[in-house]
Amino acid sequence: NDRLKKLFKNVEDIIMSPEARNTVLKPIIHPDDFEEFCKNSLHENVMKNLSEKGVYTVSYRAIENGKLVNYQSRYAIDPQNPRRIIIGLHETK
């Protein structure tokens, strides 16, 4: 989904801001997954899981054109610059 990919280019800004979460993500993320998605995607949770596991994934459902689509966000530390986090987004079945 191009809309989600564009949003996730600035994911930290969105996740860190309660206003942005509610205005940008709430209409997209399935209502049953929204709170858990926000909790799991908080910077401190991402960093904790990355330090423990090296890679961290968050699964959730999105609503696209009235249809339910499963997604997974994957977080990893950039091996060339450990101060950066790489975030990938892909559709799952």
N, C-alpha and C. Protein backbone atom coordinates (compact mmCIF):
# COMPACT_ATOMS: atom_id res chain seq x y z
N ASN A 1 0.85 -1.18 0.00
CA ASN A 1 0.00 0.00 0.00
C ASN A 1 0.88 1.23 0.00
N ASP A 2 0.80 2.03 -1.05
CA ASP A 2 1.62 3.24 -1.16
C ASP A 2 1.35 4.22 -0.04
N ARG A 3 0.11 4.29 0.38
CA ARG A 3 -0.26 5.21 1.46
C ARG A 3 0.49 4.86 2.75
N LEU A 4 0.50 3.58 3.11
CA LEU A 4 1.23 3.16 4.31
C LEU A 4 2.73 3.37 4.16
N LYS A 5 3.27 3.04 3.01
CA LYS A 5 4.71 3.20 2.79
C LYS A 5 5.13 4.66 2.93
N LYS A 6 4.34 5.56 2.38
CA LYS A 6 4.65 6.99 2.51
C LYS A 6 4.60 7.41 3.97
N LEU A 7 3.60 6.92 4.69
CA LEU A 7 3.48 7.26 6.11
C LEU A 7 4.66 6.74 6.90
N PHE A 8 5.10 5.54 6.59
CA PHE A 8 6.15 4.93 7.37
C PHE A 8 7.54 5.49 7.08
N LYS A 9 7.66 6.34 6.08
CA LYS A 9 8.94 7.03 5.88
C LYS A 9 9.24 7.94 7.05
N ASN A 10 8.19 8.43 7.70
CA ASN A 10 8.33 9.29 8.87
C ASN A 10 7.73 8.61 10.09
N VAL A 11 7.95 7.30 10.20
CA VAL A 11 7.26 6.53 11.23
C VAL A 11 7.58 7.00 12.64
N GLU A 12 8.81 7.36 12.91
CA GLU A 12 9.12 7.76 14.28
C GLU A 12 8.37 9.02 14.65
N ASP A 13 8.27 9.97 13.73
CA ASP A 13 7.51 11.18 14.01
C ASP A 13 6.05 10.84 14.30
N ILE A 14 5.51 9.91 13.54
CA ILE A 14 4.12 9.53 13.71
C ILE A 14 3.92 8.78 15.03
N ILE A 15 4.78 7.80 15.29
CA ILE A 15 4.64 6.99 16.49
C ILE A 15 4.86 7.81 17.76
N MET A 16 5.78 8.75 17.70
CA MET A 16 6.11 9.52 18.89
C MET A 16 5.05 10.57 19.23
N SER A 17 4.25 10.96 18.28
CA SER A 17 3.27 12.01 18.49
C SER A 17 1.87 11.43 18.66
N PRO A 18 1.26 11.57 19.84
CA PRO A 18 -0.11 11.05 20.02
C PRO A 18 -1.10 11.66 19.03
N GLU A 19 -0.92 12.94 18.71
CA GLU A 19 -1.83 13.58 17.76
C GLU A 19 -1.71 12.94 16.38
N ALA A 20 -0.47 12.70 15.96
CA ALA A 20 -0.25 12.08 14.64
C ALA A 20 -0.78 10.65 14.62
N ARG A 21 -0.57 9.91 15.71
CA ARG A 21 -1.10 8.54 15.76
C ARG A 21 -2.60 8.55 15.53
N ASN A 22 -3.29 9.45 16.20
CA ASN A 22 -4.75 9.47 16.10
C ASN A 22 -5.25 9.99 14.77
N THR A 23 -4.56 10.95 14.18
CA THR A 23 -5.05 11.51 12.92
C THR A 23 -4.56 10.74 11.71
N VAL A 24 -3.35 10.19 11.77
CA VAL A 24 -2.77 9.54 10.60
C VAL A 24 -2.96 8.02 10.63
N LEU A 25 -2.66 7.39 11.76
CA LEU A 25 -2.69 5.93 11.80
C LEU A 25 -4.05 5.34 12.15
N LYS A 26 -4.79 6.00 13.01
CA LYS A 26 -6.05 5.41 13.47
C LYS A 26 -7.02 5.08 12.33
N PRO A 27 -7.12 5.92 11.29
CA PRO A 27 -8.02 5.55 10.19
C PRO A 27 -7.52 4.37 9.34
N ILE A 28 -6.24 4.03 9.46
CA ILE A 28 -5.64 2.98 8.62
C ILE A 28 -5.54 1.65 9.35
N ILE A 29 -5.03 1.68 10.59
CA ILE A 29 -4.82 0.45 11.36
C ILE A 29 -6.18 -0.05 11.85
N HIS A 30 -6.38 -1.35 11.76
CA HIS A 30 -7.64 -1.95 12.22
C HIS A 30 -7.89 -1.55 13.67
N PRO A 31 -9.12 -1.18 14.02
CA PRO A 31 -9.41 -0.72 15.38
C PRO A 31 -9.01 -1.71 16.47
N ASP A 32 -9.13 -3.02 16.20
CA ASP A 32 -8.74 -4.02 17.20
C ASP A 32 -7.23 -4.11 17.40
N ASP A 33 -6.45 -3.59 16.46
CA ASP A 33 -4.99 -3.67 16.53
C ASP A 33 -4.33 -2.34 16.89
N PHE A 34 -5.10 -1.26 16.87
CA PHE A 34 -4.52 0.07 16.97
C PHE A 34 -3.72 0.30 18.26
N GLU A 35 -4.31 0.05 19.40
CA GLU A 35 -3.62 0.32 20.67
C GLU A 35 -2.38 -0.54 20.82
N GLU A 36 -2.48 -1.80 20.47
CA GLU A 36 -1.33 -2.71 20.57
C GLU A 36 -0.23 -2.29 19.60
N PHE A 37 -0.62 -1.90 18.39
CA PHE A 37 0.35 -1.42 17.42
C PHE A 37 1.10 -0.22 17.97
N CYS A 38 0.37 0.74 18.51
CA CYS A 38 1.01 1.95 19.05
C CYS A 38 1.95 1.60 20.19
N LYS A 39 1.52 0.74 21.10
CA LYS A 39 2.36 0.34 22.23
C LYS A 39 3.62 -0.37 21.74
N ASN A 40 3.46 -1.32 20.83
CA ASN A 40 4.61 -2.09 20.34
C ASN A 40 5.57 -1.25 19.51
N SER A 41 5.08 -0.17 18.94
CA SER A 41 5.91 0.66 18.06
C SER A 41 6.54 1.86 18.76
N LEU A 42 6.28 2.02 20.04
CA LEU A 42 6.93 3.10 20.77
C LEU A 42 8.44 2.95 20.74
N HIS A 43 9.13 4.05 20.65
CA HIS A 43 10.59 4.05 20.55
C HIS A 43 11.24 3.19 21.63
N GLU A 44 10.81 3.35 22.87
CA GLU A 44 11.44 2.59 23.96
C GLU A 44 11.20 1.08 23.82
N ASN A 45 10.03 0.68 23.33
CA ASN A 45 9.77 -0.75 23.11
C ASN A 45 10.58 -1.29 21.95
N VAL A 46 10.67 -0.52 20.89
CA VAL A 46 11.48 -0.93 19.74
C VAL A 46 12.93 -1.10 20.16
N MET A 47 13.48 -0.12 20.87
CA MET A 47 14.90 -0.18 21.28
C MET A 47 15.15 -1.33 22.24
N LYS A 48 14.24 -1.57 23.17
CA LYS A 48 14.39 -2.68 24.12
C LYS A 48 14.44 -4.01 23.38
N ASN A 49 13.50 -4.20 22.47
CA ASN A 49 13.46 -5.45 21.71
C ASN A 49 14.65 -5.59 20.77
N LEU A 50 15.09 -4.51 20.17
CA LEU A 50 16.28 -4.58 19.31
C LEU A 50 17.51 -4.96 20.11
N SER A 51 17.64 -4.42 21.31
CA SER A 51 18.82 -4.75 22.12
C SER A 51 18.79 -6.21 22.57
N GLU A 52 17.59 -6.75 22.76
CA GLU A 52 17.46 -8.15 23.19
C GLU A 52 17.53 -9.14 22.03
N LYS A 53 16.96 -8.78 20.89
CA LYS A 53 16.78 -9.74 19.80
C LYS A 53 17.52 -9.39 18.52
N GLY A 54 17.90 -8.14 18.35
CA GLY A 54 18.58 -7.73 17.12
C GLY A 54 17.63 -7.32 16.01
N VAL A 55 16.49 -8.00 15.90
CA VAL A 55 15.45 -7.67 14.94
C VAL A 55 14.12 -7.71 15.69
N TYR A 56 13.24 -6.80 15.36
CA TYR A 56 11.95 -6.72 16.05
C TYR A 56 10.85 -6.56 15.02
N THR A 57 9.77 -7.33 15.17
CA THR A 57 8.66 -7.24 14.23
C THR A 57 7.36 -6.89 14.96
N VAL A 58 6.52 -6.16 14.28
CA VAL A 58 5.19 -5.81 14.78
C VAL A 58 4.20 -6.17 13.68
N SER A 59 3.27 -7.04 14.01
CA SER A 59 2.24 -7.46 13.04
C SER A 59 0.94 -6.75 13.36
N TYR A 60 0.18 -6.42 12.32
CA TYR A 60 -1.07 -5.71 12.49
C TYR A 60 -1.88 -5.80 11.22
N ARG A 61 -3.14 -5.43 11.33
CA ARG A 61 -4.03 -5.40 10.17
C ARG A 61 -4.33 -3.96 9.81
N ALA A 62 -4.43 -3.71 8.52
CA ALA A 62 -4.81 -2.39 8.02
C ALA A 62 -6.07 -2.53 7.19
N ILE A 63 -6.74 -1.42 7.04
CA ILE A 63 -7.95 -1.40 6.22
C ILE A 63 -7.62 -0.60 4.96
N GLU A 64 -7.70 -1.28 3.82
CA GLU A 64 -7.41 -0.65 2.53
C GLU A 64 -8.61 -0.83 1.62
N ASN A 65 -9.17 0.27 1.19
CA ASN A 65 -10.34 0.22 0.30
C ASN A 65 -11.42 -0.70 0.85
N GLY A 66 -11.62 -0.65 2.16
CA GLY A 66 -12.65 -1.45 2.81
C GLY A 66 -12.28 -2.90 3.03
N LYS A 67 -11.05 -3.29 2.67
CA LYS A 67 -10.62 -4.68 2.83
C LYS A 67 -9.53 -4.78 3.89
N LEU A 68 -9.51 -5.90 4.58
CA LEU A 68 -8.53 -6.15 5.63
C LEU A 68 -7.25 -6.71 5.01
N VAL A 69 -6.11 -6.10 5.34
CA VAL A 69 -4.81 -6.53 4.82
C VAL A 69 -3.86 -6.69 6.01
N ASN A 70 -3.14 -7.80 6.05
CA ASN A 70 -2.17 -8.06 7.12
C ASN A 70 -0.82 -7.49 6.76
N TYR A 71 -0.22 -6.78 7.71
CA TYR A 71 1.10 -6.19 7.52
C TYR A 71 2.03 -6.56 8.66
N GLN A 72 3.29 -6.41 8.37
CA GLN A 72 4.32 -6.58 9.40
C GLN A 72 5.37 -5.49 9.19
N SER A 73 5.68 -4.80 10.27
CA SER A 73 6.79 -3.84 10.27
C SER A 73 7.97 -4.55 10.92
N ARG A 74 9.12 -4.43 10.29
CA ARG A 74 10.32 -5.06 10.83
C ARG A 74 11.36 -3.98 11.08
N TYR A 75 11.90 -4.00 12.29
CA TYR A 75 12.90 -3.02 12.73
C TYR A 75 14.23 -3.73 12.90
N ALA A 76 15.30 -3.09 12.48
CA ALA A 76 16.65 -3.62 12.66
C ALA A 76 17.61 -2.45 12.81
N ILE A 77 18.72 -2.70 13.47
CA ILE A 77 19.75 -1.68 13.60
C ILE A 77 20.60 -1.70 12.34
N ASP A 78 20.87 -0.54 11.79
CA ASP A 78 21.70 -0.41 10.59
C ASP A 78 23.11 -0.87 10.93
N PRO A 79 23.62 -1.92 10.28
CA PRO A 79 24.96 -2.42 10.61
C PRO A 79 26.07 -1.42 10.27
N GLN A 80 25.80 -0.48 9.35
CA GLN A 80 26.81 0.51 8.99
C GLN A 80 26.76 1.75 9.88
N ASN A 81 25.64 1.93 10.55
CA ASN A 81 25.49 3.07 11.45
C ASN A 81 24.56 2.66 12.59
N PRO A 82 25.10 2.14 13.68
CA PRO A 82 24.28 1.61 14.78
C PRO A 82 23.35 2.64 15.43
N ARG A 83 23.49 3.90 15.09
CA ARG A 83 22.59 4.93 15.63
C ARG A 83 21.29 5.02 14.83
N ARG A 84 21.26 4.32 13.69
CA ARG A 84 20.08 4.36 12.82
C ARG A 84 19.29 3.06 12.93
N ILE A 85 17.98 3.18 12.78
CA ILE A 85 17.10 2.02 12.74
C ILE A 85 16.54 1.91 11.33
N ILE A 86 16.61 0.72 10.79
CA ILE A 86 16.01 0.44 9.48
C ILE A 86 14.63 -0.13 9.73
N ILE A 87 13.64 0.40 9.04
CA ILE A 87 12.26 -0.07 9.19
C ILE A 87 11.76 -0.55 7.83
N GLY A 88 11.32 -1.80 7.82
CA GLY A 88 10.74 -2.36 6.60
C GLY A 88 9.27 -2.64 6.84
N LEU A 89 8.51 -2.62 5.79
CA LEU A 89 7.07 -2.85 5.85
C LEU A 89 6.71 -3.80 4.73
N HIS A 90 6.00 -4.86 5.06
CA HIS A 90 5.55 -5.74 3.99
C HIS A 90 4.20 -6.38 4.35
N GLU A 91 3.50 -6.74 3.31
CA GLU A 91 2.21 -7.40 3.46
C GLU A 91 2.45 -8.87 3.77
N THR A 92 1.68 -9.43 4.69
CA THR A 92 1.77 -10.84 5.01
C THR A 92 0.44 -11.50 4.66
N LYS A 93 0.48 -12.79 4.55
CA LYS A 93 -0.76 -13.54 4.21
C LYS A 93 -1.38 -14.12 5.45
